[in-house]
Amino acid sequence: MGIGTSIFLIAVGAILRWGVADAIEGVNLAVIGLILMIAGVVGLAVSLIWANAASRRAEPVAPAERPVVRERDVY
């Protein structure tokens, strides 16, 4: 799950939890919204930890050395 998907789940969960006043028989939308928000927060935390670990593993890239084509005297 990526960062965007996690934020989407948090947003949809918040809408279901606090923004929907309708009721469906046998379905508690507030609980479904809470579950989606929890899943989104957990997914966001895992994604950020994973991205941080991946950035630490990557070696810094040295700038490419370009040969000097022509030297120019500056007066």
C-alpha atoms as a PDB file:
ATOM      1  CA  MET A   1       0.000   0.000   0.000  1.00  0.00           C
ATOM      2  CA  GLY A   2       1.437   3.352  -0.971  1.00  0.00           C
ATOM      3  CA  ILE A   3       1.249   6.736   0.667  1.00  0.00           C
ATOM      4  CA  GLY A   4      -1.492   7.933  -1.667  1.00  0.00           C
ATOM      5  CA  THR A   5      -3.632   4.873  -1.054  1.00  0.00           C
ATOM      6  CA  SER A   6      -3.222   5.277   2.694  1.00  0.00           C
ATOM      7  CA  ILE A   7      -4.316   8.908   2.596  1.00  0.00           C
ATOM      8  CA  PHE A   8      -7.274   7.919   0.421  1.00  0.00           C
ATOM      9  CA  LEU A   9      -8.339   5.268   2.958  1.00  0.00           C
ATOM     10  CA  ILE A  10      -8.072   7.776   5.798  1.00  0.00           C
ATOM     11  CA  ALA A  11     -10.198  10.282   3.884  1.00  0.00           C
ATOM     12  CA  VAL A  12     -12.881   7.757   2.913  1.00  0.00           C
ATOM     13  CA  GLY A  13     -12.952   6.413   6.460  1.00  0.00           C
ATOM     14  CA  ALA A  14     -13.389   9.904   7.898  1.00  0.00           C
ATOM     15  CA  ILE A  15     -16.223  10.606   5.474  1.00  0.00           C
ATOM     16  CA  LEU A  16     -17.977   7.392   6.448  1.00  0.00           C
ATOM     17  CA  ARG A  17     -17.354   7.954  10.148  1.00  0.00           C
ATOM     18  CA  TRP A  18     -18.417  11.588  10.481  1.00  0.00           C
ATOM     19  CA  GLY A  19     -19.921  12.710   7.181  1.00  0.00           C
ATOM     20  CA  VAL A  20     -22.599  10.145   6.365  1.00  0.00           C
ATOM     21  CA  ALA A  21     -25.884  10.339   8.247  1.00  0.00           C
ATOM     22  CA  ASP A  22     -27.696   7.626   6.271  1.00  0.00           C
ATOM     23  CA  ALA A  23     -28.028   4.118   7.606  1.00  0.00           C
ATOM     24  CA  ILE A  24     -27.936   0.773   5.879  1.00  0.00           C
ATOM     25  CA  GLU A  25     -29.700  -2.087   7.583  1.00  0.00           C
ATOM     26  CA  GLY A  26     -27.186  -4.505   9.043  1.00  0.00           C
ATOM     27  CA  VAL A  27     -24.180  -2.266   8.246  1.00  0.00           C
ATOM     28  CA  ASN A  28     -22.663   0.167  10.702  1.00  0.00           C
ATOM     29  CA  LEU A  29     -20.994   2.812   8.506  1.00  0.00           C
ATOM     30  CA  ALA A  30     -19.262   4.451  11.470  1.00  0.00           C
ATOM     31  CA  VAL A  31     -17.445   1.214  12.317  1.00  0.00           C
ATOM     32  CA  ILE A  32     -16.481   0.655   8.678  1.00  0.00           C
ATOM     33  CA  GLY A  33     -15.136   4.222   8.561  1.00  0.00           C
ATOM     34  CA  LEU A  34     -13.101   3.636  11.705  1.00  0.00           C
ATOM     35  CA  ILE A  35     -11.666   0.409  10.284  1.00  0.00           C
ATOM     36  CA  LEU A  36     -10.689   2.176   7.058  1.00  0.00           C
ATOM     37  CA  MET A  37      -9.023   5.006   8.973  1.00  0.00           C
ATOM     38  CA  ILE A  38      -7.040   2.559  11.113  1.00  0.00           C
ATOM     39  CA  ALA A  39      -5.962   0.611   8.013  1.00  0.00           C
ATOM     40  CA  GLY A  40      -4.939   3.880   6.345  1.00  0.00           C
ATOM     41  CA  VAL A  41      -2.867   5.037   9.324  1.00  0.00           C
ATOM     42  CA  VAL A  42      -1.130   1.651   9.595  1.00  0.00           C
ATOM     43  CA  GLY A  43      -0.466   1.616   5.846  1.00  0.00           C
ATOM     44  CA  LEU A  44       0.883   5.166   5.965  1.00  0.00           C
ATOM     45  CA  ALA A  45       3.236   4.305   8.830  1.00  0.00           C
ATOM     46  CA  VAL A  46       4.509   1.195   7.043  1.00  0.00           C
ATOM     47  CA  SER A  47       4.985   3.112   3.781  1.00  0.00           C
ATOM     48  CA  LEU A  48       6.943   5.892   5.481  1.00  0.00           C
ATOM     49  CA  ILE A  49       9.138   3.421   7.373  1.00  0.00           C
ATOM     50  CA  TRP A  50       9.759   1.470   4.179  1.00  0.00           C
ATOM     51  CA  ALA A  51      10.599   4.628   2.204  1.00  0.00           C
ATOM     52  CA  ASN A  52      12.972   5.775   4.950  1.00  0.00           C
ATOM     53  CA  ALA A  53      14.748   2.420   5.025  1.00  0.00           C
ATOM     54  CA  ALA A  54      15.052   2.369   1.232  1.00  0.00           C
ATOM     55  CA  SER A  55      16.550   5.856   1.163  1.00  0.00           C
ATOM     56  CA  ARG A  56      19.161   4.866   3.736  1.00  0.00           C
ATOM     57  CA  ARG A  57      20.200   1.818   1.705  1.00  0.00           C
ATOM     58  CA  ALA A  58      20.729   3.778  -1.480  1.00  0.00           C
ATOM     59  CA  GLU A  59      24.284   4.930  -2.031  1.00  0.00           C
ATOM     60  CA  PRO A  60      24.778   8.578  -2.893  1.00  0.00           C
ATOM     61  CA  VAL A  61      25.399   9.075  -6.571  1.00  0.00           C
ATOM     62  CA  ALA A  62      28.587  10.963  -7.373  1.00  0.00           C
ATOM     63  CA  PRO A  63      28.346  13.571 -10.096  1.00  0.00           C
ATOM     64  CA  ALA A  64      29.615  12.303 -13.391  1.00  0.00           C
ATOM     65  CA  GLU A  65      33.122  13.438 -14.152  1.00  0.00           C
ATOM     66  CA  ARG A  66      33.218  15.227 -17.452  1.00  0.00           C
ATOM     67  CA  PRO A  67      36.465  15.629 -19.329  1.00  0.00           C
ATOM     68  CA  VAL A  68      37.637  19.178 -19.930  1.00  0.00           C
ATOM     69  CA  VAL A  69      37.025  19.901 -23.560  1.00  0.00           C
ATOM     70  CA  ARG A  70      38.767  23.272 -23.748  1.00  0.00           C
ATOM     71  CA  GLU A  71      40.467  25.430 -21.177  1.00  0.00           C
ATOM     72  CA  ARG A  72      39.814  29.118 -21.349  1.00  0.00           C
ATOM     73  CA  ASP A  73      41.992  31.874 -19.875  1.00  0.00           C
ATOM     74  CA  VAL A  74      40.115  34.439 -17.825  1.00  0.00           C
ATOM     75  CA  TYR A  75      41.699  37.876 -17.485  1.00  0.00           C
END
